[in-house]
C-alpha atoms as a PDB file:
ATOM      1  CA  MET A   1      33.582 -25.269   7.423  1.00  0.00           C
ATOM      2  CA  ALA A   2      32.868 -26.462   3.888  1.00  0.00           C
ATOM      3  CA  ALA A   3      29.334 -27.702   4.475  1.00  0.00           C
ATOM      4  CA  LYS A   4      27.433 -29.987   2.092  1.00  0.00           C
ATOM      5  CA  ILE A   5      23.725 -30.689   1.984  1.00  0.00           C
ATOM      6  CA  ARG A   6      23.200 -34.272   0.864  1.00  0.00           C
ATOM      7  CA  LEU A   7      20.986 -37.324   1.229  1.00  0.00           C
ATOM      8  CA  LYS A   8      21.809 -39.977   3.812  1.00  0.00           C
ATOM      9  CA  LYS A   9      20.269 -43.386   3.146  1.00  0.00           C
ATOM     10  CA  VAL A  10      18.347 -45.006   5.967  1.00  0.00           C
ATOM     11  CA  GLY A  11      16.078 -48.026   5.886  1.00  0.00           C
ATOM     12  CA  ARG A  12      16.791 -51.548   4.842  1.00  0.00           C
ATOM     13  CA  LYS A  13      17.625 -53.192   1.548  1.00  0.00           C
ATOM     14  CA  GLY A  14      14.913 -52.663  -1.059  1.00  0.00           C
ATOM     15  CA  GLN A  15      13.078 -50.149   1.174  1.00  0.00           C
ATOM     16  CA  PRO A  16      15.147 -46.972   0.945  1.00  0.00           C
ATOM     17  CA  SER A  17      14.277 -43.698   2.555  1.00  0.00           C
ATOM     18  CA  TYR A  18      16.613 -40.772   2.941  1.00  0.00           C
ATOM     19  CA  ARG A  19      17.361 -38.020   5.410  1.00  0.00           C
ATOM     20  CA  VAL A  20      18.394 -34.619   4.074  1.00  0.00           C
ATOM     21  CA  VAL A  21      21.403 -33.666   6.192  1.00  0.00           C
ATOM     22  CA  VAL A  22      24.244 -31.148   6.459  1.00  0.00           C
ATOM     23  CA  LEU A  23      27.742 -32.633   6.689  1.00  0.00           C
ATOM     24  CA  ASP A  24      31.224 -31.169   6.833  1.00  0.00           C
ATOM     25  CA  GLY A  25      32.532 -31.623   3.275  1.00  0.00           C
ATOM     26  CA  ARG A  26      36.101 -32.276   4.464  1.00  0.00           C
ATOM     27  CA  LYS A  27      35.131 -35.261   6.617  1.00  0.00           C
ATOM     28  CA  PRO A  28      34.531 -38.863   5.444  1.00  0.00           C
ATOM     29  CA  ARG A  29      31.148 -39.907   4.088  1.00  0.00           C
ATOM     30  CA  ASP A  30      30.015 -41.550   7.333  1.00  0.00           C
ATOM     31  CA  ALA A  31      30.987 -38.619   9.548  1.00  0.00           C
ATOM     32  CA  LYS A  32      28.701 -37.183  12.210  1.00  0.00           C
ATOM     33  CA  VAL A  33      25.745 -35.140  10.923  1.00  0.00           C
ATOM     34  CA  VAL A  34      25.910 -31.391  11.610  1.00  0.00           C
ATOM     35  CA  ALA A  35      22.187 -30.726  11.052  1.00  0.00           C
ATOM     36  CA  ASP A  36      19.128 -32.738  10.023  1.00  0.00           C
ATOM     37  CA  LEU A  37      16.947 -30.806   7.550  1.00  0.00           C
ATOM     38  CA  GLY A  38      14.201 -33.335   6.820  1.00  0.00           C
ATOM     39  CA  HIS A  39      13.443 -36.598   5.083  1.00  0.00           C
ATOM     40  CA  TYR A  40      12.552 -37.969   1.635  1.00  0.00           C
ATOM     41  CA  ASP A  41      10.670 -41.181   0.846  1.00  0.00           C
ATOM     42  CA  PRO A  42      10.821 -42.190  -2.848  1.00  0.00           C
ATOM     43  CA  LYS A  43       8.780 -45.401  -2.386  1.00  0.00           C
ATOM     44  CA  THR A  44       5.419 -43.661  -1.912  1.00  0.00           C
ATOM     45  CA  ASN A  45       3.332 -42.618  -4.894  1.00  0.00           C
ATOM     46  CA  PRO A  46       3.967 -39.687  -5.334  1.00  0.00           C
ATOM     47  CA  ALA A  47       7.298 -39.431  -3.499  1.00  0.00           C
ATOM     48  CA  THR A  48       6.987 -37.555  -0.190  1.00  0.00           C
ATOM     49  CA  TYR A  49       9.420 -35.199   1.466  1.00  0.00           C
ATOM     50  CA  THR A  50       9.463 -32.948   4.499  1.00  0.00           C
ATOM     51  CA  ILE A  51      12.022 -30.144   4.696  1.00  0.00           C
ATOM     52  CA  ASP A  52      12.642 -27.528   7.399  1.00  0.00           C
ATOM     53  CA  ASN A  53      12.715 -24.583   4.972  1.00  0.00           C
ATOM     54  CA  GLU A  54      14.072 -21.971   7.393  1.00  0.00           C
ATOM     55  CA  THR A  55      17.025 -24.078   8.498  1.00  0.00           C
ATOM     56  CA  ALA A  56      17.837 -25.185   4.934  1.00  0.00           C
ATOM     57  CA  LEU A  57      17.751 -21.565   3.751  1.00  0.00           C
ATOM     58  CA  LYS A  58      20.044 -20.530   6.605  1.00  0.00           C
ATOM     59  CA  TRP A  59      22.599 -23.167   5.626  1.00  0.00           C
ATOM     60  CA  LEU A  60      22.450 -22.203   1.941  1.00  0.00           C
ATOM     61  CA  LEU A  61      22.918 -18.515   2.748  1.00  0.00           C
ATOM     62  CA  ASP A  62      25.892 -19.431   4.951  1.00  0.00           C
ATOM     63  CA  GLY A  63      27.566 -21.095   1.952  1.00  0.00           C
ATOM     64  CA  ALA A  64      26.572 -24.771   2.097  1.00  0.00           C
ATOM     65  CA  LYS A  65      26.600 -26.528  -1.274  1.00  0.00           C
ATOM     66  CA  ALA A  66      23.804 -28.966  -2.116  1.00  0.00           C
ATOM     67  CA  THR A  67      24.366 -32.118  -4.162  1.00  0.00           C
ATOM     68  CA  LYS A  68      22.223 -32.650  -7.285  1.00  0.00           C
ATOM     69  CA  ALA A  69      19.734 -34.953  -5.564  1.00  0.00           C
ATOM     70  CA  ALA A  70      19.435 -32.682  -2.530  1.00  0.00           C
ATOM     71  CA  ARG A  71      19.080 -29.619  -4.749  1.00  0.00           C
ATOM     72  CA  ASN A  72      16.173 -31.252  -6.633  1.00  0.00           C
ATOM     73  CA  ILE A  73      14.330 -31.965  -3.380  1.00  0.00           C
ATOM     74  CA  LEU A  74      15.029 -28.476  -2.039  1.00  0.00           C
ATOM     75  CA  SER A  75      13.710 -27.045  -5.323  1.00  0.00           C
ATOM     76  CA  ARG A  76      10.449 -28.959  -4.981  1.00  0.00           C
ATOM     77  CA  ALA A  77      10.105 -27.671  -1.420  1.00  0.00           C
ATOM     78  CA  GLY A  78      10.596 -24.070  -2.621  1.00  0.00           C
ATOM     79  CA  VAL A  79      13.838 -23.456  -0.742  1.00  0.00           C
ATOM     80  CA  MET A  80      15.999 -22.843  -3.828  1.00  0.00           C
ATOM     81  CA  ALA A  81      13.641 -20.169  -5.194  1.00  0.00           C
ATOM     82  CA  THR A  82      13.718 -18.344  -1.863  1.00  0.00           C
ATOM     83  CA  TRP A  83      17.505 -18.694  -1.762  1.00  0.00           C
ATOM     84  CA  ASN A  84      17.819 -17.093  -5.219  1.00  0.00           C
ATOM     85  CA  GLU A  85      15.600 -14.189  -4.160  1.00  0.00           C
ATOM     86  CA  GLU A  86      17.613 -13.608  -0.989  1.00  0.00           C
ATOM     87  CA  ARG A  87      20.940 -13.961  -2.778  1.00  0.00           C
ATOM     88  CA  TYR A  88      20.174 -11.368  -5.434  1.00  0.00           C
ATOM     89  CA  ARG A  89      18.151  -8.995  -3.261  1.00  0.00           C
ATOM     90  CA  LYS A  90      19.129  -5.341  -3.656  1.00  0.00           C
ATOM     91  CA  ASP A  91      18.947  -3.530  -0.343  1.00  0.00           C
END
């Protein structure tokens, strides 16, 4: 499965909040969510986010590709740094 980590908009008009989700990249945009990794609320000051780091890292190590917006949020949560360490680890 070609998995993608992306943001899914929830909330009403003018009050956006987003869920960070894993979707099958070959399916349409509104397809069923494979996994829910957390949420992001840009309306608070500063913007708040909650990410399940272990699950996000598992998906990245299994080959999921993150979109730019999702990658920025995962970077702030520290997942991308851990992913780089794991990816280039010499055993």
